[in-house]
Amino acid sequence: MKILANDGISQSGISALESSGFEVLTTTVAQEQLVNFINENGIVGLLVRSATKVRKDVIDNCPTLKLIGRGGVGMDNIDVEYAKEKGLHVINTPAASSESVAELVFAHLFGGVRFLYDANRNMPLDGDSKFKQLKKSYAGGIELRGKTLGIIGFGRIGRATAKVALGVGMKVIYFDPFIESASVEVPFFDGQSVTFDFKSMSKEDVLKISDFITLHVPAQKEYVIGKKEFELMKSGVGIVNAARGGVLDEVALVDALENNKVTFAGLDVFESEPNPEIKILMHPNISLTPHIGAATGEAQNRIGSELAEQIIRLLK
């Protein structure tokens, strides 16, 4: 049986599948050629990440397909319910990349409070001639310790982000309409752990109280953070979106940055991805990464292994 990992898969996943008798193809097939490739090669399992879309046309026109797998959490690029109605298995790896995304959130936060997003642009240009001026302009940093992090969405990634925040010494609050209360266990290197209990606050209170805000919600039909939400925030807030493009209104964000309502933003995802707006890319107060939340070696190994385990269980 052939598996097409169209957006790639780790070697650990390939090895596990091959040892169970599957043939794994890692050719990256263009979206418009996907149906033909699947049919010509008798593909039974299609694995994707965020790039490849598996809509009704693929599901209807690929009779050999038995399984669709998403290497990651969100499955908004797959017509999940329709695929299930047609008898296909649909799988994902919701826990595999949580820690990687959480660490990226804090890469943006640490970089934000110490102006690394701007210093890394200007030091190569002017570091040799304007060192003292740059030193002065970046001397007003603040510490994360003791500040309040507001988490919008308290699923696996939201809770993983809370663990890092608690380890840093931040106060954590959250809003999630589906999770009224939650416990977060913070493990340490020596086997000790501390458990913290939380209750969801209102979205408005989280926005008003937080020094920093991070989004961890699935794709939405409407903005989770827009003009109205920015108006509720503290002046000088920092915000990070490593969830999905389109949950944060980028036009409202730029306005909030220009008005100094928001000090900095960290974006890993974009409304017009994979072609982010130039105004976003060029803004001096936005820290940028190209949708790499789950792109660590450790996360990709976990994703590959989890996908392989599920495929073997379902198709063998």
C-alpha atoms as a PDB file:
ATOM      1  CA  MET A   1       0.000   0.000   0.000  1.00  0.00           C
ATOM      2  CA  LYS A   2       1.262   3.433  -0.961  1.00  0.00           C
ATOM      3  CA  ILE A   3       1.274   6.516   1.250  1.00  0.00           C
ATOM      4  CA  LEU A   4       1.871   9.968  -0.239  1.00  0.00           C
ATOM      5  CA  ALA A   5       3.396  12.426   2.239  1.00  0.00           C
ATOM      6  CA  ASN A   6       2.823  15.434   0.031  1.00  0.00           C
ATOM      7  CA  ASP A   7       4.135  18.031   2.471  1.00  0.00           C
ATOM      8  CA  GLY A   8       6.900  15.817   3.837  1.00  0.00           C
ATOM      9  CA  ILE A   9       7.267  13.468   6.796  1.00  0.00           C
ATOM     10  CA  SER A  10      10.132  12.726   9.179  1.00  0.00           C
ATOM     11  CA  GLN A  11      12.423   9.768   8.660  1.00  0.00           C
ATOM     12  CA  SER A  12      11.089   8.232  11.863  1.00  0.00           C
ATOM     13  CA  GLY A  13       7.623   8.124  10.305  1.00  0.00           C
ATOM     14  CA  ILE A  14       8.909   6.761   7.006  1.00  0.00           C
ATOM     15  CA  SER A  15      10.864   4.010   8.747  1.00  0.00           C
ATOM     16  CA  ALA A  16       7.904   2.961  10.883  1.00  0.00           C
ATOM     17  CA  LEU A  17       5.604   2.782   7.865  1.00  0.00           C
ATOM     18  CA  GLU A  18       8.106   0.948   5.678  1.00  0.00           C
ATOM     19  CA  SER A  19       8.775  -1.612   8.400  1.00  0.00           C
ATOM     20  CA  SER A  20       5.039  -2.380   8.343  1.00  0.00           C
ATOM     21  CA  GLY A  21       5.000  -2.930   4.594  1.00  0.00           C
ATOM     22  CA  PHE A  22       3.889   0.489   3.347  1.00  0.00           C
ATOM     23  CA  GLU A  23       5.593   2.305   0.472  1.00  0.00           C
ATOM     24  CA  VAL A  24       6.065   5.976   1.301  1.00  0.00           C
ATOM     25  CA  LEU A  25       6.268   8.570  -1.487  1.00  0.00           C
ATOM     26  CA  THR A  26       7.571  12.013  -0.553  1.00  0.00           C
ATOM     27  CA  THR A  27       7.152  13.666  -3.941  1.00  0.00           C
ATOM     28  CA  THR A  28       5.639  17.136  -3.568  1.00  0.00           C
ATOM     29  CA  VAL A  29       2.763  17.121  -6.035  1.00  0.00           C
ATOM     30  CA  ALA A  30       1.229  20.417  -7.144  1.00  0.00           C
ATOM     31  CA  GLN A  31      -2.364  20.911  -6.004  1.00  0.00           C
ATOM     32  CA  GLU A  32      -3.731  20.797  -9.543  1.00  0.00           C
ATOM     33  CA  GLN A  33      -1.923  17.513 -10.253  1.00  0.00           C
ATOM     34  CA  LEU A  34      -2.849  15.822  -6.983  1.00  0.00           C
ATOM     35  CA  VAL A  35      -5.903  13.860  -8.160  1.00  0.00           C
ATOM     36  CA  ASN A  36      -4.072  12.449 -11.197  1.00  0.00           C
ATOM     37  CA  PHE A  37      -1.034  11.473  -9.148  1.00  0.00           C
ATOM     38  CA  ILE A  38      -3.106   9.721  -6.474  1.00  0.00           C
ATOM     39  CA  ASN A  39      -5.049   7.750  -9.080  1.00  0.00           C
ATOM     40  CA  GLU A  40      -2.066   6.856 -11.254  1.00  0.00           C
ATOM     41  CA  ASN A  41      -0.130   5.565  -8.251  1.00  0.00           C
ATOM     42  CA  GLY A  42      -2.958   3.909  -6.334  1.00  0.00           C
ATOM     43  CA  ILE A  43      -2.381   6.003  -3.214  1.00  0.00           C
ATOM     44  CA  VAL A  44      -4.326   4.756  -0.165  1.00  0.00           C
ATOM     45  CA  GLY A  45      -3.126   7.350   2.351  1.00  0.00           C
ATOM     46  CA  LEU A  46      -2.537  11.063   1.775  1.00  0.00           C
ATOM     47  CA  LEU A  47      -0.538  12.939   4.425  1.00  0.00           C
ATOM     48  CA  VAL A  48      -0.467  16.734   4.404  1.00  0.00           C
ATOM     49  CA  ARG A  49       0.529  19.628   6.594  1.00  0.00           C
ATOM     50  CA  SER A  50      -0.737  23.151   5.961  1.00  0.00           C
ATOM     51  CA  ALA A  51       0.182  23.573   2.290  1.00  0.00           C
ATOM     52  CA  THR A  52      -1.879  20.888   0.536  1.00  0.00           C
ATOM     53  CA  LYS A  53      -5.658  21.213   0.506  1.00  0.00           C
ATOM     54  CA  VAL A  54      -7.892  18.138   0.549  1.00  0.00           C
ATOM     55  CA  ARG A  55     -11.299  19.334  -0.561  1.00  0.00           C
ATOM     56  CA  LYS A  56     -14.336  17.569  -2.002  1.00  0.00           C
ATOM     57  CA  ASP A  57     -12.818  17.381  -5.482  1.00  0.00           C
ATOM     58  CA  VAL A  58      -9.907  15.286  -4.219  1.00  0.00           C
ATOM     59  CA  ILE A  59     -12.137  13.133  -2.011  1.00  0.00           C
ATOM     60  CA  ASP A  60     -14.686  12.492  -4.778  1.00  0.00           C
ATOM     61  CA  ASN A  61     -12.194  11.761  -7.544  1.00  0.00           C
ATOM     62  CA  CYS A  62      -9.700   9.504  -5.737  1.00  0.00           C
ATOM     63  CA  PRO A  63     -11.408   6.127  -5.176  1.00  0.00           C
ATOM     64  CA  THR A  64      -8.228   4.453  -3.890  1.00  0.00           C
ATOM     65  CA  LEU A  65      -7.938   6.853  -0.948  1.00  0.00           C
ATOM     66  CA  LYS A  66      -8.743   5.313   2.421  1.00  0.00           C
ATOM     67  CA  LEU A  67      -7.062   7.770   4.778  1.00  0.00           C
ATOM     68  CA  ILE A  68      -6.181  11.454   5.031  1.00  0.00           C
ATOM     69  CA  GLY A  69      -3.680  12.534   7.664  1.00  0.00           C
ATOM     70  CA  ARG A  70      -2.719  16.008   8.855  1.00  0.00           C
ATOM     71  CA  GLY A  71       0.707  16.385  10.398  1.00  0.00           C
ATOM     72  CA  GLY A  72      -0.274  18.906  13.049  1.00  0.00           C
ATOM     73  CA  VAL A  73      -3.344  20.181  14.843  1.00  0.00           C
ATOM     74  CA  GLY A  74      -5.672  22.300  12.711  1.00  0.00           C
ATOM     75  CA  MET A  75      -7.460  20.585   9.843  1.00  0.00           C
ATOM     76  CA  ASP A  76      -9.037  23.599   8.154  1.00  0.00           C
ATOM     77  CA  ASN A  77      -7.317  22.613   4.885  1.00  0.00           C
ATOM     78  CA  ILE A  78      -9.259  19.307   4.856  1.00  0.00           C
ATOM     79  CA  ASP A  79     -13.007  18.784   4.343  1.00  0.00           C
ATOM     80  CA  VAL A  80     -13.054  16.537   7.388  1.00  0.00           C
ATOM     81  CA  GLU A  81     -16.762  15.814   7.788  1.00  0.00           C
ATOM     82  CA  TYR A  82     -17.244  15.192   4.083  1.00  0.00           C
ATOM     83  CA  ALA A  83     -14.309  12.775   4.027  1.00  0.00           C
ATOM     84  CA  LYS A  84     -15.744  10.888   6.992  1.00  0.00           C
ATOM     85  CA  GLU A  85     -19.154  10.721   5.304  1.00  0.00           C
ATOM     86  CA  LYS A  86     -17.415   9.085   2.351  1.00  0.00           C
ATOM     87  CA  GLY A  87     -15.902   6.460   4.633  1.00  0.00           C
ATOM     88  CA  LEU A  88     -12.345   7.795   4.814  1.00  0.00           C
ATOM     89  CA  HIS A  89     -10.275   7.804   7.967  1.00  0.00           C
ATOM     90  CA  VAL A  90      -9.160  11.333   8.919  1.00  0.00           C
ATOM     91  CA  ILE A  91      -6.348  11.628  11.444  1.00  0.00           C
ATOM     92  CA  ASN A  92      -4.096  14.329  12.894  1.00  0.00           C
ATOM     93  CA  THR A  93      -1.465  14.737  15.612  1.00  0.00           C
ATOM     94  CA  PRO A  94      -2.921  17.229  18.072  1.00  0.00           C
ATOM     95  CA  ALA A  95      -0.323  16.839  20.817  1.00  0.00           C
ATOM     96  CA  ALA A  96       2.903  16.460  18.864  1.00  0.00           C
ATOM     97  CA  SER A  97       3.767  20.105  18.194  1.00  0.00           C
ATOM     98  CA  SER A  98       2.375  21.880  21.267  1.00  0.00           C
ATOM     99  CA  GLU A  99       5.716  22.502  22.966  1.00  0.00           C
ATOM    100  CA  SER A 100       7.358  23.662  19.745  1.00  0.00           C
ATOM    101  CA  VAL A 101       4.670  26.269  19.122  1.00  0.00           C
ATOM    102  CA  ALA A 102       4.807  27.396  22.746  1.00  0.00           C
ATOM    103  CA  GLU A 103       8.561  27.930  22.550  1.00  0.00           C
ATOM    104  CA  LEU A 104       8.165  29.944  19.348  1.00  0.00           C
ATOM    105  CA  VAL A 105       5.617  32.166  21.088  1.00  0.00           C
ATOM    106  CA  PHE A 106       8.244  32.908  23.715  1.00  0.00           C
ATOM    107  CA  ALA A 107      10.924  33.461  21.100  1.00  0.00           C
ATOM    108  CA  HIS A 108       8.691  36.275  19.819  1.00  0.00           C
ATOM    109  CA  LEU A 109       7.946  37.525  23.334  1.00  0.00           C
ATOM    110  CA  PHE A 110      11.571  37.565  24.484  1.00  0.00           C
ATOM    111  CA  GLY A 111      12.609  39.172  21.222  1.00  0.00           C
ATOM    112  CA  GLY A 112       9.794  41.689  21.526  1.00  0.00           C
ATOM    113  CA  VAL A 113      10.559  42.996  25.001  1.00  0.00           C
ATOM    114  CA  ARG A 114      14.245  43.428  24.080  1.00  0.00           C
ATOM    115  CA  PHE A 115      13.685  44.778  20.540  1.00  0.00           C
ATOM    116  CA  LEU A 116      15.545  41.921  18.850  1.00  0.00           C
ATOM    117  CA  TYR A 117      13.186  42.071  15.856  1.00  0.00           C
ATOM    118  CA  ASP A 118      14.481  45.583  15.150  1.00  0.00           C
ATOM    119  CA  ALA A 119      18.047  45.245  16.412  1.00  0.00           C
ATOM    120  CA  ASN A 120      18.654  42.307  14.098  1.00  0.00           C
ATOM    121  CA  ARG A 121      17.620  44.500  11.177  1.00  0.00           C
ATOM    122  CA  ASN A 122      19.650  47.559  12.150  1.00  0.00           C
ATOM    123  CA  MET A 123      22.839  46.149  13.682  1.00  0.00           C
ATOM    124  CA  PRO A 124      24.099  44.738  10.349  1.00  0.00           C
ATOM    125  CA  LEU A 125      23.416  48.117   8.710  1.00  0.00           C
ATOM    126  CA  ASP A 126      24.591  50.569  11.363  1.00  0.00           C
ATOM    127  CA  GLY A 127      26.232  48.595  14.154  1.00  0.00           C
ATOM    128  CA  ASP A 128      29.733  49.696  13.190  1.00  0.00           C
ATOM    129  CA  SER A 129      28.901  53.386  12.765  1.00  0.00           C
ATOM    130  CA  LYS A 130      26.015  54.042  15.179  1.00  0.00           C
ATOM    131  CA  PHE A 131      26.691  51.609  17.998  1.00  0.00           C
ATOM    132  CA  LYS A 132      26.060  54.085  20.818  1.00  0.00           C
ATOM    133  CA  GLN A 133      22.859  55.407  19.254  1.00  0.00           C
ATOM    134  CA  LEU A 134      21.531  51.873  18.785  1.00  0.00           C
ATOM    135  CA  LYS A 135      22.492  50.964  22.325  1.00  0.00           C
ATOM    136  CA  LYS A 136      20.498  53.939  23.602  1.00  0.00           C
ATOM    137  CA  SER A 137      17.463  53.225  21.415  1.00  0.00           C
ATOM    138  CA  TYR A 138      17.244  49.611  22.618  1.00  0.00           C
ATOM    139  CA  ALA A 139      17.973  50.352  26.282  1.00  0.00           C
ATOM    140  CA  GLY A 140      14.326  50.544  27.385  1.00  0.00           C
ATOM    141  CA  GLY A 141      13.547  46.842  27.440  1.00  0.00           C
ATOM    142  CA  ILE A 142      11.369  45.184  30.057  1.00  0.00           C
ATOM    143  CA  GLU A 143      11.276  41.758  31.712  1.00  0.00           C
ATOM    144  CA  LEU A 144       8.596  39.143  31.198  1.00  0.00           C
ATOM    145  CA  ARG A 145       8.888  37.934  34.774  1.00  0.00           C
ATOM    146  CA  GLY A 146       6.050  39.266  36.896  1.00  0.00           C
ATOM    147  CA  LYS A 147       3.949  40.333  33.895  1.00  0.00           C
ATOM    148  CA  THR A 148       0.542  38.930  32.962  1.00  0.00           C
ATOM    149  CA  LEU A 149       0.151  36.727  29.893  1.00  0.00           C
ATOM    150  CA  GLY A 150      -3.368  36.444  28.512  1.00  0.00           C
ATOM    151  CA  ILE A 151      -3.963  33.281  26.497  1.00  0.00           C
ATOM    152  CA  ILE A 152      -6.896  33.208  24.076  1.00  0.00           C
ATOM    153  CA  GLY A 153      -7.674  29.519  23.582  1.00  0.00           C
ATOM    154  CA  PHE A 154      -6.620  27.061  26.275  1.00  0.00           C
ATOM    155  CA  GLY A 155      -6.323  23.805  24.381  1.00  0.00           C
ATOM    156  CA  ARG A 156      -3.112  21.783  24.178  1.00  0.00           C
ATOM    157  CA  ILE A 157      -0.993  24.582  22.704  1.00  0.00           C
ATOM    158  CA  GLY A 158      -2.479  27.219  24.982  1.00  0.00           C
ATOM    159  CA  ARG A 159      -1.675  25.081  28.013  1.00  0.00           C
ATOM    160  CA  ALA A 160       1.841  24.326  26.725  1.00  0.00           C
ATOM    161  CA  THR A 161       2.365  28.075  26.391  1.00  0.00           C
ATOM    162  CA  ALA A 162       1.108  28.535  29.944  1.00  0.00           C
ATOM    163  CA  LYS A 163       3.761  26.067  31.176  1.00  0.00           C
ATOM    164  CA  VAL A 164       6.548  28.159  29.681  1.00  0.00           C
ATOM    165  CA  ALA A 165       5.032  31.354  31.060  1.00  0.00           C
ATOM    166  CA  LEU A 166       4.773  29.881  34.556  1.00  0.00           C
ATOM    167  CA  GLY A 167       8.391  28.735  34.358  1.00  0.00           C
ATOM    168  CA  VAL A 168       9.427  32.261  33.426  1.00  0.00           C
ATOM    169  CA  GLY A 169       7.560  33.647  36.418  1.00  0.00           C
ATOM    170  CA  MET A 170       4.595  35.198  34.644  1.00  0.00           C
ATOM    171  CA  LYS A 171       1.016  35.347  35.824  1.00  0.00           C
ATOM    172  CA  VAL A 172      -1.252  33.427  33.450  1.00  0.00           C
ATOM    173  CA  ILE A 173      -4.907  34.125  32.681  1.00  0.00           C
ATOM    174  CA  TYR A 174      -6.988  32.705  29.866  1.00  0.00           C
ATOM    175  CA  PHE A 175     -10.235  32.851  27.922  1.00  0.00           C
ATOM    176  CA  ASP A 176     -11.746  29.804  26.266  1.00  0.00           C
ATOM    177  CA  PRO A 177     -15.506  29.444  25.713  1.00  0.00           C
ATOM    178  CA  PHE A 178     -15.196  25.651  25.683  1.00  0.00           C
ATOM    179  CA  ILE A 179     -12.844  25.081  28.646  1.00  0.00           C
ATOM    180  CA  GLU A 180     -14.251  26.444  31.877  1.00  0.00           C
ATOM    181  CA  SER A 181     -11.374  25.219  34.044  1.00  0.00           C
ATOM    182  CA  ALA A 182      -8.062  23.449  33.529  1.00  0.00           C
ATOM    183  CA  SER A 183      -5.017  22.217  35.394  1.00  0.00           C
ATOM    184  CA  VAL A 184      -1.504  22.743  34.074  1.00  0.00           C
ATOM    185  CA  GLU A 185       1.356  20.614  35.348  1.00  0.00           C
ATOM    186  CA  VAL A 186       4.811  22.147  35.026  1.00  0.00           C
ATOM    187  CA  PRO A 187       7.489  19.413  35.096  1.00  0.00           C
ATOM    188  CA  PHE A 188      11.117  20.040  36.029  1.00  0.00           C
ATOM    189  CA  PHE A 189      14.349  18.302  35.070  1.00  0.00           C
ATOM    190  CA  ASP A 190      14.669  16.389  38.340  1.00  0.00           C
ATOM    191  CA  GLY A 191      11.256  14.743  38.240  1.00  0.00           C
ATOM    192  CA  GLN A 192       9.500  17.295  40.429  1.00  0.00           C
ATOM    193  CA  SER A 193       6.422  19.070  39.141  1.00  0.00           C
ATOM    194  CA  VAL A 194       3.999  21.760  40.229  1.00  0.00           C
ATOM    195  CA  THR A 195       0.326  21.841  39.222  1.00  0.00           C
ATOM    196  CA  PHE A 196      -1.596  25.084  38.722  1.00  0.00           C
ATOM    197  CA  ASP A 197      -5.380  25.325  38.496  1.00  0.00           C
ATOM    198  CA  PHE A 198      -7.074  27.893  36.273  1.00  0.00           C
ATOM    199  CA  LYS A 199     -10.576  29.093  35.482  1.00  0.00           C
ATOM    200  CA  SER A 200     -11.549  30.857  32.289  1.00  0.00           C
ATOM    201  CA  MET A 201     -12.104  34.591  32.542  1.00  0.00           C
ATOM    202  CA  SER A 202     -14.200  36.623  30.142  1.00  0.00           C
ATOM    203  CA  LYS A 203     -12.525  37.605  26.902  1.00  0.00           C
ATOM    204  CA  GLU A 204     -12.982  41.272  27.788  1.00  0.00           C
ATOM    205  CA  ASP A 205     -11.246  40.890  31.156  1.00  0.00           C
ATOM    206  CA  VAL A 206      -8.325  38.992  29.628  1.00  0.00           C
ATOM    207  CA  LEU A 207      -7.872  41.757  27.056  1.00  0.00           C
ATOM    208  CA  LYS A 208      -8.054  44.501  29.675  1.00  0.00           C
ATOM    209  CA  ILE A 209      -5.709  42.898  32.226  1.00  0.00           C
ATOM    210  CA  SER A 210      -2.981  41.292  30.105  1.00  0.00           C
ATOM    211  CA  ASP A 211       0.434  42.805  29.483  1.00  0.00           C
ATOM    212  CA  PHE A 212       0.927  40.323  26.637  1.00  0.00           C
ATOM    213  CA  ILE A 213      -1.621  38.344  24.639  1.00  0.00           C
ATOM    214  CA  THR A 214      -1.135  35.150  22.644  1.00  0.00           C
ATOM    215  CA  LEU A 215      -3.688  33.479  20.370  1.00  0.00           C
ATOM    216  CA  HIS A 216      -4.241  29.715  20.239  1.00  0.00           C
ATOM    217  CA  VAL A 217      -7.512  29.186  18.428  1.00  0.00           C
ATOM    218  CA  PRO A 218      -8.531  27.312  15.258  1.00  0.00           C
ATOM    219  CA  ALA A 219      -9.462  29.093  12.037  1.00  0.00           C
ATOM    220  CA  GLN A 220     -12.543  31.271  12.470  1.00  0.00           C
ATOM    221  CA  LYS A 221     -15.140  32.863  10.212  1.00  0.00           C
ATOM    222  CA  GLU A 222     -14.633  36.183  11.999  1.00  0.00           C
ATOM    223  CA  TYR A 223     -11.695  37.911  13.648  1.00  0.00           C
ATOM    224  CA  VAL A 224     -10.988  36.923  17.242  1.00  0.00           C
ATOM    225  CA  ILE A 225      -8.944  40.107  17.646  1.00  0.00           C
ATOM    226  CA  GLY A 226     -10.087  43.163  15.720  1.00  0.00           C
ATOM    227  CA  LYS A 227     -10.483  46.911  16.190  1.00  0.00           C
ATOM    228  CA  LYS A 228     -12.923  46.545  19.094  1.00  0.00           C
ATOM    229  CA  GLU A 229     -10.634  44.123  20.930  1.00  0.00           C
ATOM    230  CA  PHE A 230      -7.550  46.313  20.473  1.00  0.00           C
ATOM    231  CA  GLU A 231      -9.451  49.208  22.048  1.00  0.00           C
ATOM    232  CA  LEU A 232      -9.992  47.128  25.212  1.00  0.00           C
ATOM    233  CA  MET A 233      -6.291  46.319  25.643  1.00  0.00           C
ATOM    234  CA  LYS A 234      -3.786  48.085  27.848  1.00  0.00           C
ATOM    235  CA  SER A 235      -1.644  50.662  26.123  1.00  0.00           C
ATOM    236  CA  GLY A 236       1.760  49.163  25.367  1.00  0.00           C
ATOM    237  CA  VAL A 237       0.562  45.562  25.107  1.00  0.00           C
ATOM    238  CA  GLY A 238       2.455  42.976  23.055  1.00  0.00           C
ATOM    239  CA  ILE A 239       0.581  40.379  20.994  1.00  0.00           C
ATOM    240  CA  VAL A 240       1.596  37.110  19.321  1.00  0.00           C
ATOM    241  CA  ASN A 241      -0.310  35.086  16.742  1.00  0.00           C
ATOM    242  CA  ALA A 242       1.092  31.628  16.089  1.00  0.00           C
ATOM    243  CA  ALA A 243      -2.340  30.082  15.552  1.00  0.00           C
ATOM    244  CA  ARG A 244      -3.961  30.764  12.175  1.00  0.00           C
ATOM    245  CA  GLY A 245      -3.912  33.639   9.738  1.00  0.00           C
ATOM    246  CA  GLY A 246      -7.268  35.375   9.753  1.00  0.00           C
ATOM    247  CA  VAL A 247      -7.964  35.203  13.489  1.00  0.00           C
ATOM    248  CA  LEU A 248      -6.260  38.583  13.934  1.00  0.00           C
ATOM    249  CA  ASP A 249      -7.238  41.636  11.871  1.00  0.00           C
ATOM    250  CA  GLU A 250      -3.926  42.788  10.415  1.00  0.00           C
ATOM    251  CA  VAL A 251      -5.267  46.185   9.337  1.00  0.00           C
ATOM    252  CA  ALA A 252      -6.443  46.839  12.900  1.00  0.00           C
ATOM    253  CA  LEU A 253      -3.096  45.566  14.186  1.00  0.00           C
ATOM    254  CA  VAL A 254      -1.124  48.046  12.075  1.00  0.00           C
ATOM    255  CA  ASP A 255      -3.395  50.862  13.285  1.00  0.00           C
ATOM    256  CA  ALA A 256      -2.856  49.774  16.908  1.00  0.00           C
ATOM    257  CA  LEU A 257       0.916  49.708  16.360  1.00  0.00           C
ATOM    258  CA  GLU A 258       0.885  53.133  14.728  1.00  0.00           C
ATOM    259  CA  ASN A 259      -1.172  54.537  17.622  1.00  0.00           C
ATOM    260  CA  ASN A 260       1.189  52.959  20.195  1.00  0.00           C
ATOM    261  CA  LYS A 261      -1.660  50.924  21.650  1.00  0.00           C
ATOM    262  CA  VAL A 262       0.431  47.852  20.793  1.00  0.00           C
ATOM    263  CA  THR A 263       4.184  48.010  21.377  1.00  0.00           C
ATOM    264  CA  PHE A 264       5.083  45.008  19.247  1.00  0.00           C
ATOM    265  CA  ALA A 265       3.533  42.009  17.553  1.00  0.00           C
ATOM    266  CA  GLY A 266       4.923  38.583  16.767  1.00  0.00           C
ATOM    267  CA  LEU A 267       3.401  36.866  13.744  1.00  0.00           C
ATOM    268  CA  ASP A 268       4.031  33.310  12.587  1.00  0.00           C
ATOM    269  CA  VAL A 269       0.851  33.173  10.483  1.00  0.00           C
ATOM    270  CA  PHE A 270      -0.730  35.680   8.134  1.00  0.00           C
ATOM    271  CA  GLU A 271      -4.100  36.567   6.627  1.00  0.00           C
ATOM    272  CA  SER A 272      -2.825  36.383   3.041  1.00  0.00           C
ATOM    273  CA  GLU A 273      -0.387  33.496   3.579  1.00  0.00           C
ATOM    274  CA  PRO A 274       1.685  32.437   1.669  1.00  0.00           C
ATOM    275  CA  ASN A 275       1.931  36.005   0.384  1.00  0.00           C
ATOM    276  CA  PRO A 276       1.920  38.232   3.490  1.00  0.00           C
ATOM    277  CA  GLU A 277       1.141  41.891   2.955  1.00  0.00           C
ATOM    278  CA  ILE A 278       4.178  44.106   2.402  1.00  0.00           C
ATOM    279  CA  LYS A 279       2.951  46.525   5.067  1.00  0.00           C
ATOM    280  CA  ILE A 280       3.164  43.684   7.598  1.00  0.00           C
ATOM    281  CA  LEU A 281       6.539  42.426   6.368  1.00  0.00           C
ATOM    282  CA  MET A 282       8.113  45.875   6.463  1.00  0.00           C
ATOM    283  CA  HIS A 283       6.667  47.121   9.745  1.00  0.00           C
ATOM    284  CA  PRO A 284       9.488  47.931  12.185  1.00  0.00           C
ATOM    285  CA  ASN A 285       7.545  46.703  15.240  1.00  0.00           C
ATOM    286  CA  ILE A 286       6.531  43.271  14.002  1.00  0.00           C
ATOM    287  CA  SER A 287       8.595  40.162  14.681  1.00  0.00           C
ATOM    288  CA  LEU A 288       8.179  37.740  11.775  1.00  0.00           C
ATOM    289  CA  THR A 289       8.481  34.005  11.175  1.00  0.00           C
ATOM    290  CA  PRO A 290       7.156  32.044   8.153  1.00  0.00           C
ATOM    291  CA  HIS A 291       4.651  29.641   9.811  1.00  0.00           C
ATOM    292  CA  ILE A 292       7.277  27.530  11.585  1.00  0.00           C
ATOM    293  CA  GLY A 293       5.494  26.860  14.872  1.00  0.00           C
ATOM    294  CA  ALA A 294       5.767  23.079  14.515  1.00  0.00           C
ATOM    295  CA  ALA A 295       8.998  23.133  12.532  1.00  0.00           C
ATOM    296  CA  THR A 296      11.439  21.643  15.020  1.00  0.00           C
ATOM    297  CA  GLY A 297      13.204  18.345  14.572  1.00  0.00           C
ATOM    298  CA  GLU A 298      11.673  16.991  17.763  1.00  0.00           C
ATOM    299  CA  ALA A 299       8.126  17.952  16.793  1.00  0.00           C
ATOM    300  CA  GLN A 300       8.477  16.556  13.286  1.00  0.00           C
ATOM    301  CA  ASN A 301       9.746  13.250  14.673  1.00  0.00           C
ATOM    302  CA  ARG A 302       6.785  13.074  17.047  1.00  0.00           C
ATOM    303  CA  ILE A 303       4.378  13.962  14.228  1.00  0.00           C
ATOM    304  CA  GLY A 304       5.841  11.330  11.897  1.00  0.00           C
ATOM    305  CA  SER A 305       5.760   8.633  14.547  1.00  0.00           C
ATOM    306  CA  GLU A 306       2.195   9.451  15.620  1.00  0.00           C
ATOM    307  CA  LEU A 307       0.943   9.438  12.032  1.00  0.00           C
ATOM    308  CA  ALA A 308       2.660   6.118  11.362  1.00  0.00           C
ATOM    309  CA  GLU A 309       1.170   4.499  14.469  1.00  0.00           C
ATOM    310  CA  GLN A 310      -2.332   5.573  13.496  1.00  0.00           C
ATOM    311  CA  ILE A 311      -1.952   4.520   9.847  1.00  0.00           C
ATOM    312  CA  ILE A 312      -0.648   1.079  10.824  1.00  0.00           C
ATOM    313  CA  ARG A 313      -3.506   0.605  13.276  1.00  0.00           C
ATOM    314  CA  LEU A 314      -6.205   1.718  10.826  1.00  0.00           C
ATOM    315  CA  LEU A 315      -5.005   0.213   7.550  1.00  0.00           C
ATOM    316  CA  LYS A 316      -3.232  -2.958   8.583  1.00  0.00           C
END
